[in-house]
Amino acid sequence: MSNSGTSPAPVVFANTPPDLATKLYPPRLRTSHFARPRLDAWFGGNPSARVALVHAPAGAGKSTLAAQWLARAGSPAAWVTLEAGDGRPQQFFRLVLAALHSVDPSLAPATSALAADPRAFDAEMAAHQLIAEFSDVSRPIALVLDDYHTVE
């Protein structure tokens, strides 16, 4: 067993709707856990990696592994726990933006404006805008999409 401490809670702003706020927290880490050095080395072994996909059966500890990695990495991280209804593009963008704003409320202002307008929302435009805005961010920010497989 190894000691990992506990995970810090993200800052959730007053204007974050309650239905979104509950999805922005990583799992609480226990003070002790079973060490998994091979997985820990793989998951945290390449800090320059742009994407990491963790695929395993339910209950295998994927969410815990990601939360442990984020706690060790110490860099800004946004967390979204997804469920089946979150596959609608505007809802998905609202969640991702709320998570990113928990790290830095000034991130992606143009994408936020696009996602806020239900009548004129265009997922492709929002995706391109988010990519463009993130290309200007000078520091690394991790984004975890937990339970992405549940999205319809």
Protein backbone atom coordinates (compact mmCIF):
# COMPACT_ATOMS: atom_id res chain seq x y z
CA MET A 1 0.00 0.00 0.00
CA SER A 2 1.10 3.52 -0.65
CA ASN A 3 0.07 6.92 0.62
CA SER A 4 -1.45 9.32 -1.90
CA GLY A 5 -3.16 11.98 0.22
CA THR A 6 -6.51 13.35 -0.85
CA SER A 7 -7.59 15.09 -4.01
CA PRO A 8 -8.21 18.82 -3.93
CA ALA A 9 -11.67 19.96 -4.94
CA PRO A 10 -11.90 22.12 -8.04
CA VAL A 11 -13.10 25.66 -7.71
CA VAL A 12 -16.69 25.77 -8.91
CA PHE A 13 -17.95 29.26 -9.53
CA ALA A 14 -21.29 30.64 -8.38
CA ASN A 15 -22.54 30.92 -11.96
CA THR A 16 -21.95 27.20 -12.61
CA PRO A 17 -25.37 25.52 -12.78
CA PRO A 18 -25.82 22.86 -10.08
CA ASP A 19 -26.49 20.15 -12.68
CA LEU A 20 -23.00 20.78 -14.07
CA ALA A 21 -21.15 21.39 -10.81
CA THR A 22 -21.71 17.86 -9.53
CA LYS A 23 -19.85 16.47 -12.57
CA LEU A 24 -16.70 18.53 -12.11
CA TYR A 25 -15.13 16.64 -9.24
CA PRO A 26 -12.63 13.79 -9.54
CA PRO A 27 -13.16 10.85 -7.21
CA ARG A 28 -11.95 11.45 -3.69
CA LEU A 29 -8.68 9.66 -3.17
CA ARG A 30 -8.23 7.47 -0.16
CA THR A 31 -5.21 8.00 2.04
CA SER A 32 -4.01 4.51 1.14
CA HIS A 33 -4.38 2.45 -1.99
CA PHE A 34 -2.86 -0.53 -3.71
CA ALA A 35 0.28 0.49 -5.52
CA ARG A 36 0.24 -0.14 -9.27
CA PRO A 37 3.75 0.87 -10.30
CA ARG A 38 3.47 -0.43 -13.89
CA LEU A 39 0.28 1.53 -14.54
CA ASP A 40 1.59 4.57 -12.70
CA ALA A 41 4.76 4.52 -14.82
CA TRP A 42 2.77 4.17 -18.05
CA PHE A 43 0.20 6.82 -17.23
CA GLY A 44 2.64 9.42 -15.97
CA GLY A 45 5.69 8.39 -17.94
CA ASN A 46 5.28 10.73 -20.88
CA PRO A 47 4.45 14.26 -19.73
CA SER A 48 4.52 15.56 -23.30
CA ALA A 49 1.76 13.18 -24.43
CA ARG A 50 -1.28 15.04 -25.75
CA VAL A 51 -3.84 12.25 -25.18
CA ALA A 52 -4.01 9.25 -22.89
CA LEU A 53 -6.81 6.70 -23.19
CA VAL A 54 -7.46 4.36 -20.30
CA HIS A 55 -9.74 1.46 -21.24
CA ALA A 56 -10.61 -1.32 -18.80
CA PRO A 57 -13.70 -3.04 -17.38
CA ALA A 58 -15.97 -1.29 -14.89
CA GLY A 59 -14.51 -1.23 -11.41
CA ALA A 60 -10.91 -1.65 -12.58
CA GLY A 61 -9.87 1.71 -11.13
CA LYS A 62 -9.59 3.89 -14.24
CA SER A 63 -11.01 6.99 -12.56
CA THR A 64 -8.87 6.47 -9.48
CA LEU A 65 -5.76 6.02 -11.62
CA ALA A 66 -6.47 9.29 -13.46
CA ALA A 67 -7.16 11.14 -10.19
CA GLN A 68 -3.94 9.80 -8.66
CA TRP A 69 -1.97 10.87 -11.71
CA LEU A 70 -3.45 14.38 -11.56
CA ALA A 71 -2.69 14.65 -7.85
CA ARG A 72 0.95 13.65 -8.49
CA ALA A 73 1.37 15.83 -11.58
CA GLY A 74 0.42 18.96 -9.69
CA SER A 75 -0.49 20.85 -12.87
CA PRO A 76 -3.88 22.48 -13.49
CA ALA A 77 -6.56 19.94 -14.29
CA ALA A 78 -10.18 20.06 -15.36
CA TRP A 79 -12.38 17.02 -14.68
CA VAL A 80 -15.72 16.08 -16.22
CA THR A 81 -17.63 12.93 -15.28
CA LEU A 82 -19.89 12.14 -18.22
CA GLU A 83 -23.09 10.15 -18.46
CA ALA A 84 -25.35 9.05 -21.29
CA GLY A 85 -27.28 12.32 -21.66
CA ASP A 86 -24.10 14.37 -22.00
CA GLY A 87 -23.60 13.39 -25.63
CA ARG A 88 -25.68 16.26 -26.96
CA PRO A 89 -23.07 18.64 -28.39
CA GLN A 90 -24.15 21.79 -26.54
CA GLN A 91 -24.38 19.96 -23.20
CA PHE A 92 -20.98 18.37 -23.80
CA PHE A 93 -19.39 21.77 -24.52
CA ARG A 94 -21.07 23.33 -21.49
CA LEU A 95 -19.56 20.63 -19.28
CA VAL A 96 -16.09 20.88 -20.78
CA LEU A 97 -16.13 24.67 -20.52
CA ALA A 98 -17.37 24.58 -16.92
CA ALA A 99 -14.52 22.21 -16.06
CA LEU A 100 -11.97 24.41 -17.84
CA HIS A 101 -13.34 27.50 -16.09
CA SER A 102 -12.77 25.76 -12.75
CA VAL A 103 -9.06 25.94 -13.65
CA ASP A 104 -9.12 29.43 -15.17
CA PRO A 105 -12.34 31.41 -15.66
CA SER A 106 -10.75 33.43 -18.46
CA LEU A 107 -10.20 30.39 -20.70
CA ALA A 108 -12.07 30.11 -24.01
CA PRO A 109 -14.31 33.18 -23.85
CA ALA A 110 -15.41 32.97 -27.49
CA THR A 111 -16.23 29.26 -27.18
CA SER A 112 -18.19 30.01 -24.02
CA ALA A 113 -20.22 32.62 -25.88
CA LEU A 114 -20.97 30.12 -28.66
CA ALA A 115 -22.06 27.45 -26.16
CA ALA A 116 -24.30 29.87 -24.28
CA ASP A 117 -26.58 30.57 -27.25
CA PRO A 118 -28.96 27.61 -27.73
CA ARG A 119 -30.47 29.03 -30.93
CA ALA A 120 -27.21 29.52 -32.82
CA PHE A 121 -25.03 26.72 -31.41
CA ASP A 122 -22.86 24.98 -34.00
CA ALA A 123 -20.77 22.10 -32.61
CA GLU A 124 -18.21 22.16 -35.40
CA MET A 125 -17.68 25.90 -35.02
CA ALA A 126 -17.40 25.53 -31.23
CA ALA A 127 -14.83 22.74 -31.61
CA HIS A 128 -12.71 24.81 -34.00
CA GLN A 129 -12.97 27.84 -31.73
CA LEU A 130 -11.97 25.86 -28.64
CA ILE A 131 -8.95 24.43 -30.46
CA ALA A 132 -7.95 27.92 -31.63
CA GLU A 133 -8.29 29.36 -28.13
CA PHE A 134 -6.32 26.52 -26.60
CA SER A 135 -3.49 26.95 -29.07
CA ASP A 136 -2.88 30.31 -27.37
CA VAL A 137 -2.68 28.87 -23.83
CA SER A 138 0.95 28.87 -22.73
CA ARG A 139 0.72 26.42 -19.82
CA PRO A 140 -0.31 22.78 -19.78
CA ILE A 141 -3.82 22.00 -18.60
CA ALA A 142 -5.07 18.44 -18.25
CA LEU A 143 -8.67 17.68 -19.20
CA VAL A 144 -10.11 14.37 -17.99
CA LEU A 145 -13.30 13.10 -19.64
CA ASP A 146 -14.25 10.38 -17.19
CA ASP A 147 -16.75 7.71 -18.29
CA TYR A 148 -16.65 9.00 -21.88
CA HIS A 149 -17.79 5.55 -23.06
CA THR A 150 -21.25 6.24 -21.58
CA VAL A 151 -21.92 9.19 -23.88
CA GLU A 152 -24.55 8.39 -26.50
